[in-house]
């Protein structure tokens, strides 16, 4: 007989009130293992705010290309207070990291979930830049997160790759990071979650560990994020991300000691 813990039931029902899982009938053993772990032990391990937890999980599901699970979790996120605009911005923030080819299905899935809840589309615009300002505003956002490293990237770029640096400033940061709907600190954490879930992006993940530390997401926030992603992205990618966190926070502490 299945024994789902009271805490697991409570956390599950918070996201999906009244939901009856067919998998409890067909695969009760797996559901018992997963629900007791993911909806009890994992949640209790960090105490992360429920909305932030759902936000980083949605970002990771996009990176994992888990569109069916994304639909389910998006509905749960909306049930606990993630707003439609925030949900849309999570998806937009993923685009420069996963690519539009991977984001398209999630755009349609987001529309389906929002329409099913009677939410009119399109949602209010959140852009803050224009064609004339996106490059400068993007560069400003880059430097706010990464500091002098951005000047070094421009200085060290081969001439035939300089357009990529300009794309990073104007498109990745100017078009996305400058948008309203989510603050810079949350966007940077979402980027960290996306890269961790993608896997194979450890150099970029290391850069965004430093970026998160710079905007106020400390080691505990990063570890809590990976803890909440673990049930969805698995142990190998989670352990790789923890290694990058350990290396990045150790380097930051060493540099801080030198600056004292």
C-alpha atoms as a PDB file:
ATOM      1  CA  UNK A   1       0.000   0.000   0.000  1.00  0.00           C
ATOM      2  CA  UNK A   2       1.323   3.432  -0.975  1.00  0.00           C
ATOM      3  CA  UNK A   3       2.436   5.655   1.892  1.00  0.00           C
ATOM      4  CA  UNK A   4       2.867   9.228   0.716  1.00  0.00           C
ATOM      5  CA  UNK A   5       3.975  11.400   3.630  1.00  0.00           C
ATOM      6  CA  UNK A   6       1.755  14.134   4.972  1.00  0.00           C
ATOM      7  CA  UNK A   7       4.318  16.800   3.993  1.00  0.00           C
ATOM      8  CA  UNK A   8       4.535  15.445   0.448  1.00  0.00           C
ATOM      9  CA  UNK A   9       0.753  15.493   0.115  1.00  0.00           C
ATOM     10  CA  UNK A  10       0.572  19.025   1.488  1.00  0.00           C
ATOM     11  CA  UNK A  11       3.212  20.404  -0.873  1.00  0.00           C
ATOM     12  CA  UNK A  12       1.730  18.530  -3.841  1.00  0.00           C
ATOM     13  CA  UNK A  13      -1.799  19.704  -3.087  1.00  0.00           C
ATOM     14  CA  UNK A  14      -0.552  23.292  -2.786  1.00  0.00           C
ATOM     15  CA  UNK A  15       0.489  23.144  -6.435  1.00  0.00           C
ATOM     16  CA  UNK A  16      -2.229  20.851  -7.768  1.00  0.00           C
ATOM     17  CA  UNK A  17      -5.354  21.074  -5.609  1.00  0.00           C
ATOM     18  CA  UNK A  18      -7.836  18.308  -6.345  1.00  0.00           C
ATOM     19  CA  UNK A  19      -5.564  16.556  -8.838  1.00  0.00           C
ATOM     20  CA  UNK A  20      -5.875  12.764  -9.018  1.00  0.00           C
ATOM     21  CA  UNK A  21      -2.778  11.135 -10.497  1.00  0.00           C
ATOM     22  CA  UNK A  22      -3.320   8.195 -12.837  1.00  0.00           C
ATOM     23  CA  UNK A  23       0.288   7.179 -12.165  1.00  0.00           C
ATOM     24  CA  UNK A  24      -0.644   6.394  -8.570  1.00  0.00           C
ATOM     25  CA  UNK A  25      -2.653   3.530 -10.081  1.00  0.00           C
ATOM     26  CA  UNK A  26      -0.230   2.358 -12.765  1.00  0.00           C
ATOM     27  CA  UNK A  27       3.108   3.047 -11.024  1.00  0.00           C
ATOM     28  CA  UNK A  28       2.448   3.453  -7.307  1.00  0.00           C
ATOM     29  CA  UNK A  29       5.954   2.473  -6.205  1.00  0.00           C
ATOM     30  CA  UNK A  30       7.689   5.102  -8.333  1.00  0.00           C
ATOM     31  CA  UNK A  31       5.212   7.803  -7.330  1.00  0.00           C
ATOM     32  CA  UNK A  32       5.755   6.967  -3.661  1.00  0.00           C
ATOM     33  CA  UNK A  33       9.533   7.217  -4.056  1.00  0.00           C
ATOM     34  CA  UNK A  34       9.438  10.392  -6.108  1.00  0.00           C
ATOM     35  CA  UNK A  35       6.731  12.287  -4.259  1.00  0.00           C
ATOM     36  CA  UNK A  36       8.166  11.564  -0.821  1.00  0.00           C
ATOM     37  CA  UNK A  37      11.565  12.747  -2.025  1.00  0.00           C
ATOM     38  CA  UNK A  38      10.730  15.653  -4.338  1.00  0.00           C
ATOM     39  CA  UNK A  39       7.733  17.036  -2.457  1.00  0.00           C
ATOM     40  CA  UNK A  40       8.957  16.386   1.062  1.00  0.00           C
ATOM     41  CA  UNK A  41      12.711  15.852   1.595  1.00  0.00           C
ATOM     42  CA  UNK A  42      13.930  18.126  -1.208  1.00  0.00           C
ATOM     43  CA  UNK A  43      11.585  20.993  -0.362  1.00  0.00           C
ATOM     44  CA  UNK A  44      12.293  20.767   3.358  1.00  0.00           C
ATOM     45  CA  UNK A  45      16.069  20.739   2.746  1.00  0.00           C
ATOM     46  CA  UNK A  46      16.268  24.405   1.759  1.00  0.00           C
ATOM     47  CA  UNK A  47      13.077  26.259   2.640  1.00  0.00           C
ATOM     48  CA  UNK A  48      13.198  28.168  -0.650  1.00  0.00           C
ATOM     49  CA  UNK A  49      10.237  30.465  -1.317  1.00  0.00           C
ATOM     50  CA  UNK A  50       7.631  28.504  -3.244  1.00  0.00           C
ATOM     51  CA  UNK A  51       7.338  31.000  -6.109  1.00  0.00           C
ATOM     52  CA  UNK A  52      11.103  31.224  -6.607  1.00  0.00           C
ATOM     53  CA  UNK A  53      11.319  27.444  -6.434  1.00  0.00           C
ATOM     54  CA  UNK A  54       8.774  27.093  -9.206  1.00  0.00           C
ATOM     55  CA  UNK A  55      10.469  29.780 -11.291  1.00  0.00           C
ATOM     56  CA  UNK A  56      13.859  28.068 -11.345  1.00  0.00           C
ATOM     57  CA  UNK A  57      12.212  24.711 -11.980  1.00  0.00           C
ATOM     58  CA  UNK A  58      10.321  26.107 -14.968  1.00  0.00           C
ATOM     59  CA  UNK A  59      13.583  27.491 -16.373  1.00  0.00           C
ATOM     60  CA  UNK A  60      15.225  24.089 -15.946  1.00  0.00           C
ATOM     61  CA  UNK A  61      12.325  22.250 -17.591  1.00  0.00           C
ATOM     62  CA  UNK A  62      12.682  24.471 -20.647  1.00  0.00           C
ATOM     63  CA  UNK A  63      16.374  23.625 -20.815  1.00  0.00           C
ATOM     64  CA  UNK A  64      15.550  19.905 -20.419  1.00  0.00           C
ATOM     65  CA  UNK A  65      12.936  20.133 -23.195  1.00  0.00           C
ATOM     66  CA  UNK A  66      10.366  18.568 -20.869  1.00  0.00           C
ATOM     67  CA  UNK A  67       7.376  20.316 -22.399  1.00  0.00           C
ATOM     68  CA  UNK A  68       4.676  18.094 -20.874  1.00  0.00           C
ATOM     69  CA  UNK A  69       6.090  18.468 -17.356  1.00  0.00           C
ATOM     70  CA  UNK A  70       6.487  22.194 -18.035  1.00  0.00           C
ATOM     71  CA  UNK A  71       2.744  22.497 -18.726  1.00  0.00           C
ATOM     72  CA  UNK A  72       1.935  20.755 -15.443  1.00  0.00           C
ATOM     73  CA  UNK A  73       4.409  22.778 -13.393  1.00  0.00           C
ATOM     74  CA  UNK A  74       3.403  26.060 -15.028  1.00  0.00           C
ATOM     75  CA  UNK A  75      -0.161  25.436 -13.908  1.00  0.00           C
ATOM     76  CA  UNK A  76       1.138  24.724 -10.410  1.00  0.00           C
ATOM     77  CA  UNK A  77       3.276  27.864 -10.446  1.00  0.00           C
ATOM     78  CA  UNK A  78       0.283  29.994 -11.351  1.00  0.00           C
ATOM     79  CA  UNK A  79      -1.678  28.330  -8.537  1.00  0.00           C
ATOM     80  CA  UNK A  80       0.847  29.460  -5.902  1.00  0.00           C
ATOM     81  CA  UNK A  81       1.270  33.051  -7.068  1.00  0.00           C
ATOM     82  CA  UNK A  82       3.698  33.210  -9.987  1.00  0.00           C
ATOM     83  CA  UNK A  83       2.081  35.805 -12.246  1.00  0.00           C
ATOM     84  CA  UNK A  84       1.391  35.327 -15.958  1.00  0.00           C
ATOM     85  CA  UNK A  85       3.912  38.075 -16.758  1.00  0.00           C
ATOM     86  CA  UNK A  86       6.567  36.398 -14.602  1.00  0.00           C
ATOM     87  CA  UNK A  87       5.877  33.070 -16.300  1.00  0.00           C
ATOM     88  CA  UNK A  88       6.219  34.663 -19.722  1.00  0.00           C
ATOM     89  CA  UNK A  89       9.458  36.388 -18.690  1.00  0.00           C
ATOM     90  CA  UNK A  90      10.958  33.095 -17.469  1.00  0.00           C
ATOM     91  CA  UNK A  91      10.461  31.752 -20.971  1.00  0.00           C
ATOM     92  CA  UNK A  92      11.797  34.895 -22.648  1.00  0.00           C
ATOM     93  CA  UNK A  93      14.883  34.799 -20.402  1.00  0.00           C
ATOM     94  CA  UNK A  94      15.631  31.267 -21.585  1.00  0.00           C
ATOM     95  CA  UNK A  95      15.672  32.141 -25.289  1.00  0.00           C
ATOM     96  CA  UNK A  96      19.260  33.426 -25.613  1.00  0.00           C
ATOM     97  CA  UNK A  97      20.531  30.390 -23.696  1.00  0.00           C
ATOM     98  CA  UNK A  98      18.548  27.475 -25.131  1.00  0.00           C
ATOM     99  CA  UNK A  99      17.917  29.010 -28.570  1.00  0.00           C
ATOM    100  CA  UNK A 100      14.630  29.795 -30.225  1.00  0.00           C
ATOM    101  CA  UNK A 101      14.347  26.319 -31.762  1.00  0.00           C
ATOM    102  CA  UNK A 102      14.038  24.843 -28.272  1.00  0.00           C
ATOM    103  CA  UNK A 103      11.860  27.651 -26.944  1.00  0.00           C
ATOM    104  CA  UNK A 104       9.110  27.524 -29.606  1.00  0.00           C
ATOM    105  CA  UNK A 105       7.202  24.558 -28.167  1.00  0.00           C
ATOM    106  CA  UNK A 106       7.279  26.145 -24.715  1.00  0.00           C
ATOM    107  CA  UNK A 107       5.916  29.397 -26.094  1.00  0.00           C
ATOM    108  CA  UNK A 108       2.905  27.517 -27.465  1.00  0.00           C
ATOM    109  CA  UNK A 109       2.557  25.497 -24.249  1.00  0.00           C
ATOM    110  CA  UNK A 110       2.587  28.711 -22.209  1.00  0.00           C
ATOM    111  CA  UNK A 111      -0.133  30.195 -24.405  1.00  0.00           C
ATOM    112  CA  UNK A 112      -2.256  27.053 -23.996  1.00  0.00           C
ATOM    113  CA  UNK A 113      -1.994  27.129 -20.188  1.00  0.00           C
ATOM    114  CA  UNK A 114      -2.711  30.844 -19.942  1.00  0.00           C
ATOM    115  CA  UNK A 115      -5.696  30.673 -22.302  1.00  0.00           C
ATOM    116  CA  UNK A 116      -7.099  27.687 -20.371  1.00  0.00           C
ATOM    117  CA  UNK A 117      -7.189  29.972 -17.337  1.00  0.00           C
ATOM    118  CA  UNK A 118      -9.007  32.738 -19.210  1.00  0.00           C
ATOM    119  CA  UNK A 119      -5.962  35.010 -19.467  1.00  0.00           C
ATOM    120  CA  UNK A 120      -5.988  37.315 -22.489  1.00  0.00           C
ATOM    121  CA  UNK A 121      -3.011  37.397 -24.845  1.00  0.00           C
ATOM    122  CA  UNK A 122      -0.794  39.135 -25.604  1.00  0.00           C
ATOM    123  CA  UNK A 123       0.306  40.033 -22.102  1.00  0.00           C
ATOM    124  CA  UNK A 124       1.426  43.620 -21.383  1.00  0.00           C
ATOM    125  CA  UNK A 125       4.740  44.589 -22.999  1.00  0.00           C
ATOM    126  CA  UNK A 126       7.784  44.640 -20.728  1.00  0.00           C
ATOM    127  CA  UNK A 127      10.533  45.957 -23.028  1.00  0.00           C
ATOM    128  CA  UNK A 128      12.497  48.962 -21.742  1.00  0.00           C
ATOM    129  CA  UNK A 129      14.917  49.448 -24.636  1.00  0.00           C
ATOM    130  CA  UNK A 130      14.671  50.600 -28.242  1.00  0.00           C
ATOM    131  CA  UNK A 131      16.748  49.876 -31.314  1.00  0.00           C
ATOM    132  CA  UNK A 132      18.773  52.954 -30.431  1.00  0.00           C
ATOM    133  CA  UNK A 133      19.366  52.083 -26.757  1.00  0.00           C
ATOM    134  CA  UNK A 134      19.522  48.273 -26.573  1.00  0.00           C
ATOM    135  CA  UNK A 135      23.288  48.057 -27.070  1.00  0.00           C
ATOM    136  CA  UNK A 136      24.219  50.658 -24.453  1.00  0.00           C
ATOM    137  CA  UNK A 137      21.625  49.420 -21.954  1.00  0.00           C
ATOM    138  CA  UNK A 138      22.704  45.832 -22.507  1.00  0.00           C
ATOM    139  CA  UNK A 139      26.350  46.707 -21.981  1.00  0.00           C
ATOM    140  CA  UNK A 140      25.369  48.523 -18.803  1.00  0.00           C
ATOM    141  CA  UNK A 141      23.572  45.404 -17.537  1.00  0.00           C
ATOM    142  CA  UNK A 142      26.551  43.212 -18.444  1.00  0.00           C
ATOM    143  CA  UNK A 143      28.935  45.431 -16.494  1.00  0.00           C
ATOM    144  CA  UNK A 144      26.596  45.578 -13.524  1.00  0.00           C
ATOM    145  CA  UNK A 145      26.768  41.782 -13.340  1.00  0.00           C
ATOM    146  CA  UNK A 146      30.296  41.016 -14.553  1.00  0.00           C
ATOM    147  CA  UNK A 147      32.201  44.274 -14.038  1.00  0.00           C
ATOM    148  CA  UNK A 148      35.509  44.877 -15.815  1.00  0.00           C
ATOM    149  CA  UNK A 149      35.459  41.378 -17.276  1.00  0.00           C
ATOM    150  CA  UNK A 150      33.264  42.713 -20.088  1.00  0.00           C
ATOM    151  CA  UNK A 151      35.885  45.266 -21.180  1.00  0.00           C
ATOM    152  CA  UNK A 152      38.431  42.440 -21.213  1.00  0.00           C
ATOM    153  CA  UNK A 153      36.150  40.275 -23.366  1.00  0.00           C
ATOM    154  CA  UNK A 154      35.853  43.076 -25.922  1.00  0.00           C
ATOM    155  CA  UNK A 155      39.594  43.766 -25.822  1.00  0.00           C
ATOM    156  CA  UNK A 156      40.518  40.102 -26.272  1.00  0.00           C
ATOM    157  CA  UNK A 157      37.990  39.250 -28.963  1.00  0.00           C
ATOM    158  CA  UNK A 158      39.407  38.456 -32.427  1.00  0.00           C
ATOM    159  CA  UNK A 159      38.280  41.027 -34.978  1.00  0.00           C
ATOM    160  CA  UNK A 160      36.268  38.438 -36.926  1.00  0.00           C
ATOM    161  CA  UNK A 161      34.303  37.549 -33.758  1.00  0.00           C
ATOM    162  CA  UNK A 162      33.631  41.051 -32.467  1.00  0.00           C
ATOM    163  CA  UNK A 163      30.071  40.890 -33.760  1.00  0.00           C
ATOM    164  CA  UNK A 164      29.397  38.085 -31.260  1.00  0.00           C
ATOM    165  CA  UNK A 165      30.413  40.391 -28.394  1.00  0.00           C
ATOM    166  CA  UNK A 166      28.076  43.049 -29.777  1.00  0.00           C
ATOM    167  CA  UNK A 167      25.284  40.476 -30.028  1.00  0.00           C
ATOM    168  CA  UNK A 168      25.818  39.504 -26.396  1.00  0.00           C
ATOM    169  CA  UNK A 169      25.517  43.122 -25.284  1.00  0.00           C
ATOM    170  CA  UNK A 170      22.619  44.215 -27.485  1.00  0.00           C
ATOM    171  CA  UNK A 171      20.632  40.986 -27.784  1.00  0.00           C
ATOM    172  CA  UNK A 172      21.302  38.685 -24.823  1.00  0.00           C
ATOM    173  CA  UNK A 173      21.478  41.514 -22.302  1.00  0.00           C
ATOM    174  CA  UNK A 174      19.885  44.495 -24.055  1.00  0.00           C
ATOM    175  CA  UNK A 175      16.831  42.659 -25.351  1.00  0.00           C
ATOM    176  CA  UNK A 176      16.240  40.340 -22.389  1.00  0.00           C
ATOM    177  CA  UNK A 177      17.972  41.330 -19.136  1.00  0.00           C
ATOM    178  CA  UNK A 178      16.644  44.880 -19.307  1.00  0.00           C
ATOM    179  CA  UNK A 179      12.997  43.853 -19.475  1.00  0.00           C
ATOM    180  CA  UNK A 180      10.515  44.564 -16.708  1.00  0.00           C
ATOM    181  CA  UNK A 181       8.513  41.745 -15.118  1.00  0.00           C
ATOM    182  CA  UNK A 182      11.483  40.216 -13.298  1.00  0.00           C
ATOM    183  CA  UNK A 183      14.345  41.961 -11.527  1.00  0.00           C
ATOM    184  CA  UNK A 184      17.984  41.515 -12.494  1.00  0.00           C
ATOM    185  CA  UNK A 185      18.757  39.276  -9.530  1.00  0.00           C
ATOM    186  CA  UNK A 186      15.980  36.844 -10.473  1.00  0.00           C
ATOM    187  CA  UNK A 187      16.929  36.855 -14.158  1.00  0.00           C
ATOM    188  CA  UNK A 188      20.521  35.983 -13.290  1.00  0.00           C
ATOM    189  CA  UNK A 189      19.362  33.115 -11.068  1.00  0.00           C
ATOM    190  CA  UNK A 190      17.123  31.834 -13.869  1.00  0.00           C
ATOM    191  CA  UNK A 191      20.092  31.899 -16.226  1.00  0.00           C
ATOM    192  CA  UNK A 192      22.105  29.874 -13.705  1.00  0.00           C
ATOM    193  CA  UNK A 193      19.268  27.323 -13.468  1.00  0.00           C
ATOM    194  CA  UNK A 194      18.977  27.117 -17.247  1.00  0.00           C
ATOM    195  CA  UNK A 195      22.699  26.521 -17.773  1.00  0.00           C
ATOM    196  CA  UNK A 196      22.853  23.926 -15.000  1.00  0.00           C
ATOM    197  CA  UNK A 197      19.956  22.027 -16.567  1.00  0.00           C
ATOM    198  CA  UNK A 198      21.401  22.225 -20.082  1.00  0.00           C
ATOM    199  CA  UNK A 199      24.610  20.512 -19.025  1.00  0.00           C
ATOM    200  CA  UNK A 200      27.873  20.804 -20.938  1.00  0.00           C
ATOM    201  CA  UNK A 201      27.925  24.552 -20.273  1.00  0.00           C
ATOM    202  CA  UNK A 202      30.243  24.539 -17.274  1.00  0.00           C
ATOM    203  CA  UNK A 203      32.449  27.449 -18.489  1.00  0.00           C
ATOM    204  CA  UNK A 204      29.353  29.622 -18.898  1.00  0.00           C
ATOM    205  CA  UNK A 205      27.911  28.278 -15.644  1.00  0.00           C
ATOM    206  CA  UNK A 206      31.084  29.352 -13.839  1.00  0.00           C
ATOM    207  CA  UNK A 207      30.698  32.856 -15.242  1.00  0.00           C
ATOM    208  CA  UNK A 208      27.136  33.023 -14.002  1.00  0.00           C
ATOM    209  CA  UNK A 209      28.078  31.739 -10.552  1.00  0.00           C
ATOM    210  CA  UNK A 210      30.258  34.847 -10.358  1.00  0.00           C
ATOM    211  CA  UNK A 211      27.435  36.920 -11.825  1.00  0.00           C
ATOM    212  CA  UNK A 212      24.956  35.656  -9.252  1.00  0.00           C
ATOM    213  CA  UNK A 213      27.327  36.407  -6.407  1.00  0.00           C
ATOM    214  CA  UNK A 214      27.739  39.928  -7.787  1.00  0.00           C
ATOM    215  CA  UNK A 215      23.988  40.642  -7.783  1.00  0.00           C
ATOM    216  CA  UNK A 216      23.302  39.190  -4.341  1.00  0.00           C
ATOM    217  CA  UNK A 217      22.525  35.498  -4.892  1.00  0.00           C
ATOM    218  CA  UNK A 218      24.989  33.941  -2.460  1.00  0.00           C
ATOM    219  CA  UNK A 219      26.319  30.395  -2.174  1.00  0.00           C
ATOM    220  CA  UNK A 220      23.306  29.277  -0.130  1.00  0.00           C
ATOM    221  CA  UNK A 221      20.890  30.541  -2.796  1.00  0.00           C
ATOM    222  CA  UNK A 222      22.811  28.724  -5.542  1.00  0.00           C
ATOM    223  CA  UNK A 223      22.945  25.466  -3.579  1.00  0.00           C
ATOM    224  CA  UNK A 224      19.234  25.771  -2.764  1.00  0.00           C
ATOM    225  CA  UNK A 225      18.518  26.260  -6.457  1.00  0.00           C
ATOM    226  CA  UNK A 226      20.393  23.126  -7.486  1.00  0.00           C
ATOM    227  CA  UNK A 227      18.699  21.203  -4.669  1.00  0.00           C
ATOM    228  CA  UNK A 228      15.267  22.174  -6.032  1.00  0.00           C
ATOM    229  CA  UNK A 229      16.329  21.295  -9.598  1.00  0.00           C
ATOM    230  CA  UNK A 230      17.751  17.897  -8.672  1.00  0.00           C
ATOM    231  CA  UNK A 231      14.489  15.920  -9.020  1.00  0.00           C
ATOM    232  CA  UNK A 232      14.071  17.268 -12.558  1.00  0.00           C
ATOM    233  CA  UNK A 233      17.621  17.369 -13.967  1.00  0.00           C
ATOM    234  CA  UNK A 234      19.166  14.354 -12.198  1.00  0.00           C
ATOM    235  CA  UNK A 235      22.324  13.819 -10.196  1.00  0.00           C
ATOM    236  CA  UNK A 236      25.083  14.151 -12.844  1.00  0.00           C
ATOM    237  CA  UNK A 237      24.164  17.689 -13.910  1.00  0.00           C
ATOM    238  CA  UNK A 238      23.403  18.664 -10.316  1.00  0.00           C
ATOM    239  CA  UNK A 239      26.778  17.405  -9.072  1.00  0.00           C
ATOM    240  CA  UNK A 240      28.557  19.171 -11.926  1.00  0.00           C
ATOM    241  CA  UNK A 241      26.785  22.404 -10.984  1.00  0.00           C
ATOM    242  CA  UNK A 242      27.725  21.975  -7.310  1.00  0.00           C
ATOM    243  CA  UNK A 243      31.367  21.546  -8.309  1.00  0.00           C
ATOM    244  CA  UNK A 244      31.205  24.805 -10.261  1.00  0.00           C
ATOM    245  CA  UNK A 245      29.564  26.538  -7.287  1.00  0.00           C
ATOM    246  CA  UNK A 246      32.282  25.268  -4.946  1.00  0.00           C
ATOM    247  CA  UNK A 247      35.048  26.439  -7.267  1.00  0.00           C
ATOM    248  CA  UNK A 248      33.400  29.809  -7.883  1.00  0.00           C
ATOM    249  CA  UNK A 249      32.629  30.632  -4.276  1.00  0.00           C
ATOM    250  CA  UNK A 250      36.098  29.521  -3.169  1.00  0.00           C
ATOM    251  CA  UNK A 251      37.664  31.832  -5.767  1.00  0.00           C
ATOM    252  CA  UNK A 252      35.416  34.690  -4.642  1.00  0.00           C
ATOM    253  CA  UNK A 253      36.402  34.173  -1.010  1.00  0.00           C
ATOM    254  CA  UNK A 254      40.101  34.115  -1.941  1.00  0.00           C
ATOM    255  CA  UNK A 255      39.728  37.354  -3.860  1.00  0.00           C
ATOM    256  CA  UNK A 256      37.830  38.953  -0.995  1.00  0.00           C
ATOM    257  CA  UNK A 257      40.643  37.998   1.407  1.00  0.00           C
ATOM    258  CA  UNK A 258      43.194  39.617  -0.925  1.00  0.00           C
ATOM    259  CA  UNK A 259      41.133  42.816  -1.058  1.00  0.00           C
ATOM    260  CA  UNK A 260      40.950  43.141   2.750  1.00  0.00           C
END
